[in-house]
């Protein structure tokens, strides 16, 4: 992700299934929503995987205007959420605590995410790593690390 961002691109729909482990490290797959910064090839954007949608992106999808531009900071949010999911086997947001069970309509979930009404999960099998991810998931977009900085934070967990 850091290399993609450094090259001036946004992925736009990062999720756990979009990475494959190779001898050279994790490689990204599925670039359907990827785009160079400064371009918007679609007329309507209604979202990424809901569980990994950054709150500010959810708000823009709800409130417009369209087309909604995905951002590198939203990618970093999705990356932190993806790593959380890989570590815990669960989504980072605790929908049940927020009263949003299975079958909750997508627009209701998106609205709750946009208003930060869904707390983070308290499942912490790797507390030192998840503390770093928690910071990213709770941060305002301008306060999130870059993908490269998140890489360093992850590498420092339990170092």
C-alpha atoms as a PDB file:
ATOM      1  CA  UNK A   1       0.000   0.000   0.000  1.00  0.00           C
ATOM      2  CA  UNK A   2       2.853   2.378   0.810  1.00  0.00           C
ATOM      3  CA  UNK A   3       4.349   1.817  -2.648  1.00  0.00           C
ATOM      4  CA  UNK A   4       0.973   2.378  -4.324  1.00  0.00           C
ATOM      5  CA  UNK A   5       0.482   5.627  -2.408  1.00  0.00           C
ATOM      6  CA  UNK A   6       4.038   6.751  -3.098  1.00  0.00           C
ATOM      7  CA  UNK A   7       3.322   6.301  -6.812  1.00  0.00           C
ATOM      8  CA  UNK A   8       0.338   8.667  -6.459  1.00  0.00           C
ATOM      9  CA  UNK A   9      -2.479   6.115  -6.425  1.00  0.00           C
ATOM     10  CA  UNK A  10      -5.431   5.267  -4.183  1.00  0.00           C
ATOM     11  CA  UNK A  11      -6.613   1.653  -3.862  1.00  0.00           C
ATOM     12  CA  UNK A  12     -10.160   2.550  -2.820  1.00  0.00           C
ATOM     13  CA  UNK A  13     -11.378  -0.870  -1.680  1.00  0.00           C
ATOM     14  CA  UNK A  14      -8.778  -2.639   0.415  1.00  0.00           C
ATOM     15  CA  UNK A  15      -9.980  -5.761   2.217  1.00  0.00           C
ATOM     16  CA  UNK A  16      -8.371  -8.920   3.625  1.00  0.00           C
ATOM     17  CA  UNK A  17      -9.017 -10.913   0.453  1.00  0.00           C
ATOM     18  CA  UNK A  18      -7.043  -8.372  -1.590  1.00  0.00           C
ATOM     19  CA  UNK A  19      -3.653  -9.532  -0.398  1.00  0.00           C
ATOM     20  CA  UNK A  20      -1.671 -12.629  -1.254  1.00  0.00           C
ATOM     21  CA  UNK A  21       1.417 -13.793   0.593  1.00  0.00           C
ATOM     22  CA  UNK A  22       4.474 -14.414  -1.583  1.00  0.00           C
ATOM     23  CA  UNK A  23       8.151 -15.030  -0.848  1.00  0.00           C
ATOM     24  CA  UNK A  24       8.693 -11.309  -1.527  1.00  0.00           C
ATOM     25  CA  UNK A  25       5.944 -10.250   0.918  1.00  0.00           C
ATOM     26  CA  UNK A  26       2.260  -9.429   0.603  1.00  0.00           C
ATOM     27  CA  UNK A  27       1.105  -8.368  -2.855  1.00  0.00           C
ATOM     28  CA  UNK A  28      -2.133  -6.499  -3.511  1.00  0.00           C
ATOM     29  CA  UNK A  29      -4.887  -7.875  -5.715  1.00  0.00           C
ATOM     30  CA  UNK A  30      -8.110  -6.417  -7.122  1.00  0.00           C
ATOM     31  CA  UNK A  31      -7.554  -2.885  -8.263  1.00  0.00           C
ATOM     32  CA  UNK A  32     -11.119  -2.332  -9.539  1.00  0.00           C
ATOM     33  CA  UNK A  33     -11.574   0.929  -7.552  1.00  0.00           C
ATOM     34  CA  UNK A  34      -7.940   2.047  -7.822  1.00  0.00           C
ATOM     35  CA  UNK A  35      -7.163   5.347  -9.466  1.00  0.00           C
ATOM     36  CA  UNK A  36      -4.415   7.930  -9.756  1.00  0.00           C
ATOM     37  CA  UNK A  37      -4.832  10.895  -7.402  1.00  0.00           C
ATOM     38  CA  UNK A  38      -6.656  13.739  -9.107  1.00  0.00           C
ATOM     39  CA  UNK A  39      -8.860  11.487 -11.245  1.00  0.00           C
ATOM     40  CA  UNK A  40     -12.343  10.134 -10.636  1.00  0.00           C
ATOM     41  CA  UNK A  41     -13.311   7.606 -13.299  1.00  0.00           C
ATOM     42  CA  UNK A  42     -16.802   6.920 -11.911  1.00  0.00           C
ATOM     43  CA  UNK A  43     -19.925   9.057 -11.641  1.00  0.00           C
ATOM     44  CA  UNK A  44     -21.245   7.387  -8.489  1.00  0.00           C
ATOM     45  CA  UNK A  45     -19.361   5.690  -5.690  1.00  0.00           C
ATOM     46  CA  UNK A  46     -21.410   3.929  -3.044  1.00  0.00           C
ATOM     47  CA  UNK A  47     -18.724   2.398  -1.012  1.00  0.00           C
ATOM     48  CA  UNK A  48     -16.112  -0.098  -0.152  1.00  0.00           C
ATOM     49  CA  UNK A  49     -16.538  -3.139   2.069  1.00  0.00           C
ATOM     50  CA  UNK A  50     -18.711  -1.612   4.799  1.00  0.00           C
ATOM     51  CA  UNK A  51     -16.669  -3.078   7.668  1.00  0.00           C
ATOM     52  CA  UNK A  52     -13.548  -1.256   6.448  1.00  0.00           C
ATOM     53  CA  UNK A  53     -15.075   2.021   5.310  1.00  0.00           C
ATOM     54  CA  UNK A  54     -13.484   5.035   6.980  1.00  0.00           C
ATOM     55  CA  UNK A  55     -16.029   7.199   8.820  1.00  0.00           C
ATOM     56  CA  UNK A  56     -15.310  10.260   6.688  1.00  0.00           C
ATOM     57  CA  UNK A  57     -15.767   8.228   3.508  1.00  0.00           C
ATOM     58  CA  UNK A  58     -19.071   6.819   4.819  1.00  0.00           C
ATOM     59  CA  UNK A  59     -20.237  10.387   5.540  1.00  0.00           C
ATOM     60  CA  UNK A  60     -19.335  11.530   2.019  1.00  0.00           C
ATOM     61  CA  UNK A  61     -21.167   8.564   0.497  1.00  0.00           C
ATOM     62  CA  UNK A  62     -24.274   9.516   2.503  1.00  0.00           C
ATOM     63  CA  UNK A  63     -24.104  13.287   2.074  1.00  0.00           C
ATOM     64  CA  UNK A  64     -22.337  13.639  -1.270  1.00  0.00           C
ATOM     65  CA  UNK A  65     -21.629  15.279  -3.445  1.00  0.00           C
ATOM     66  CA  UNK A  66     -21.059  12.517  -5.949  1.00  0.00           C
ATOM     67  CA  UNK A  67     -18.742  11.387  -7.294  1.00  0.00           C
ATOM     68  CA  UNK A  68     -17.054  10.614  -3.986  1.00  0.00           C
ATOM     69  CA  UNK A  69     -13.279  10.553  -4.140  1.00  0.00           C
ATOM     70  CA  UNK A  70     -11.602   7.784  -2.203  1.00  0.00           C
ATOM     71  CA  UNK A  71      -8.487   8.918  -0.340  1.00  0.00           C
ATOM     72  CA  UNK A  72      -5.161   7.598   0.794  1.00  0.00           C
ATOM     73  CA  UNK A  73      -6.153   8.286   4.410  1.00  0.00           C
ATOM     74  CA  UNK A  74      -9.265   6.131   3.930  1.00  0.00           C
ATOM     75  CA  UNK A  75      -6.964   3.447   2.474  1.00  0.00           C
ATOM     76  CA  UNK A  76      -4.857   3.599   5.657  1.00  0.00           C
ATOM     77  CA  UNK A  77      -8.015   3.190   7.764  1.00  0.00           C
ATOM     78  CA  UNK A  78      -8.951   0.133   5.664  1.00  0.00           C
ATOM     79  CA  UNK A  79      -5.408  -1.222   5.970  1.00  0.00           C
ATOM     80  CA  UNK A  80      -5.521  -0.943   9.775  1.00  0.00           C
ATOM     81  CA  UNK A  81      -8.948  -2.600   9.761  1.00  0.00           C
ATOM     82  CA  UNK A  82      -7.716  -5.355   7.477  1.00  0.00           C
ATOM     83  CA  UNK A  83      -4.750  -6.049   9.745  1.00  0.00           C
ATOM     84  CA  UNK A  84      -7.094  -6.078  12.772  1.00  0.00           C
ATOM     85  CA  UNK A  85      -9.288  -8.632  10.988  1.00  0.00           C
ATOM     86  CA  UNK A  86      -6.302 -10.810  10.097  1.00  0.00           C
ATOM     87  CA  UNK A  87      -5.116 -10.786  13.734  1.00  0.00           C
ATOM     88  CA  UNK A  88      -8.492 -11.376  15.402  1.00  0.00           C
ATOM     89  CA  UNK A  89     -10.619 -13.118  12.802  1.00  0.00           C
ATOM     90  CA  UNK A  90     -13.305 -10.474  13.449  1.00  0.00           C
ATOM     91  CA  UNK A  91     -14.103  -7.034  12.088  1.00  0.00           C
ATOM     92  CA  UNK A  92     -12.656  -4.126  14.056  1.00  0.00           C
ATOM     93  CA  UNK A  93     -16.080  -2.616  14.757  1.00  0.00           C
ATOM     94  CA  UNK A  94     -18.284  -4.180  17.445  1.00  0.00           C
ATOM     95  CA  UNK A  95     -21.687  -4.029  15.780  1.00  0.00           C
ATOM     96  CA  UNK A  96     -23.395  -6.130  18.430  1.00  0.00           C
ATOM     97  CA  UNK A  97     -22.490  -3.678  21.210  1.00  0.00           C
ATOM     98  CA  UNK A  98     -23.943  -0.895  19.040  1.00  0.00           C
ATOM     99  CA  UNK A  99     -27.177  -2.889  18.620  1.00  0.00           C
ATOM    100  CA  UNK A 100     -26.514  -3.541  14.935  1.00  0.00           C
ATOM    101  CA  UNK A 101     -26.946  -7.274  14.499  1.00  0.00           C
ATOM    102  CA  UNK A 102     -26.803  -9.421  11.391  1.00  0.00           C
ATOM    103  CA  UNK A 103     -29.262  -8.286   8.797  1.00  0.00           C
ATOM    104  CA  UNK A 104     -28.913  -4.579   9.626  1.00  0.00           C
ATOM    105  CA  UNK A 105     -29.451  -2.688   6.363  1.00  0.00           C
ATOM    106  CA  UNK A 106     -26.317  -1.330   4.714  1.00  0.00           C
ATOM    107  CA  UNK A 107     -27.494   2.274   4.889  1.00  0.00           C
ATOM    108  CA  UNK A 108     -28.028   1.967   8.663  1.00  0.00           C
ATOM    109  CA  UNK A 109     -24.520   0.510   9.099  1.00  0.00           C
ATOM    110  CA  UNK A 110     -23.002   3.239   6.913  1.00  0.00           C
ATOM    111  CA  UNK A 111     -24.784   5.959   8.910  1.00  0.00           C
ATOM    112  CA  UNK A 112     -23.562   4.480  12.221  1.00  0.00           C
ATOM    113  CA  UNK A 113     -20.002   4.288  10.880  1.00  0.00           C
ATOM    114  CA  UNK A 114     -20.187   7.867   9.563  1.00  0.00           C
ATOM    115  CA  UNK A 115     -21.208   9.079  13.018  1.00  0.00           C
ATOM    116  CA  UNK A 116     -18.660   6.875  14.808  1.00  0.00           C
ATOM    117  CA  UNK A 117     -21.526   5.221  16.693  1.00  0.00           C
ATOM    118  CA  UNK A 118     -19.955   1.752  16.529  1.00  0.00           C
ATOM    119  CA  UNK A 119     -17.223   1.072  19.114  1.00  0.00           C
ATOM    120  CA  UNK A 120     -14.086  -0.862  18.336  1.00  0.00           C
ATOM    121  CA  UNK A 121     -13.990  -4.499  19.329  1.00  0.00           C
ATOM    122  CA  UNK A 122     -12.434  -5.344  22.667  1.00  0.00           C
ATOM    123  CA  UNK A 123     -11.075  -8.677  21.398  1.00  0.00           C
ATOM    124  CA  UNK A 124      -7.322  -8.228  21.918  1.00  0.00           C
ATOM    125  CA  UNK A 125      -5.266 -11.349  21.149  1.00  0.00           C
ATOM    126  CA  UNK A 126      -2.272  -9.150  20.205  1.00  0.00           C
ATOM    127  CA  UNK A 127      -2.582  -6.050  22.417  1.00  0.00           C
ATOM    128  CA  UNK A 128       0.636  -4.278  21.397  1.00  0.00           C
ATOM    129  CA  UNK A 129      -0.238  -4.438  17.703  1.00  0.00           C
ATOM    130  CA  UNK A 130      -3.901  -3.705  18.235  1.00  0.00           C
ATOM    131  CA  UNK A 131      -3.098  -0.618  20.309  1.00  0.00           C
ATOM    132  CA  UNK A 132      -1.340   0.798  17.238  1.00  0.00           C
ATOM    133  CA  UNK A 133      -4.197  -0.216  14.946  1.00  0.00           C
ATOM    134  CA  UNK A 134      -6.751   1.207  17.411  1.00  0.00           C
ATOM    135  CA  UNK A 135      -4.983   4.572  17.212  1.00  0.00           C
ATOM    136  CA  UNK A 136      -5.299   4.579  13.414  1.00  0.00           C
ATOM    137  CA  UNK A 137      -8.938   3.475  13.459  1.00  0.00           C
ATOM    138  CA  UNK A 138      -9.911   6.173  15.964  1.00  0.00           C
ATOM    139  CA  UNK A 139      -7.841   8.988  14.448  1.00  0.00           C
ATOM    140  CA  UNK A 140      -9.249  11.806  12.373  1.00  0.00           C
ATOM    141  CA  UNK A 141      -8.142  11.544   8.733  1.00  0.00           C
ATOM    142  CA  UNK A 142      -5.493  14.276   9.095  1.00  0.00           C
ATOM    143  CA  UNK A 143      -4.071  12.529  12.169  1.00  0.00           C
ATOM    144  CA  UNK A 144      -3.681   9.080  10.604  1.00  0.00           C
ATOM    145  CA  UNK A 145      -0.227   7.873   9.723  1.00  0.00           C
ATOM    146  CA  UNK A 146       0.687   7.260   6.121  1.00  0.00           C
ATOM    147  CA  UNK A 147       0.804   3.667   4.909  1.00  0.00           C
ATOM    148  CA  UNK A 148       4.609   3.763   5.247  1.00  0.00           C
ATOM    149  CA  UNK A 149       4.335   5.061   8.816  1.00  0.00           C
ATOM    150  CA  UNK A 150       1.770   2.373   9.640  1.00  0.00           C
ATOM    151  CA  UNK A 151       4.242  -0.213   8.353  1.00  0.00           C
ATOM    152  CA  UNK A 152       6.836   1.032  10.832  1.00  0.00           C
ATOM    153  CA  UNK A 153       4.276   1.031  13.663  1.00  0.00           C
ATOM    154  CA  UNK A 154       3.296  -2.555  12.900  1.00  0.00           C
ATOM    155  CA  UNK A 155       6.915  -3.688  12.712  1.00  0.00           C
ATOM    156  CA  UNK A 156       7.573  -2.078  16.110  1.00  0.00           C
ATOM    157  CA  UNK A 157       4.805  -4.077  17.825  1.00  0.00           C
ATOM    158  CA  UNK A 158       6.447  -6.508  20.251  1.00  0.00           C
ATOM    159  CA  UNK A 159       9.845  -5.577  18.840  1.00  0.00           C
END
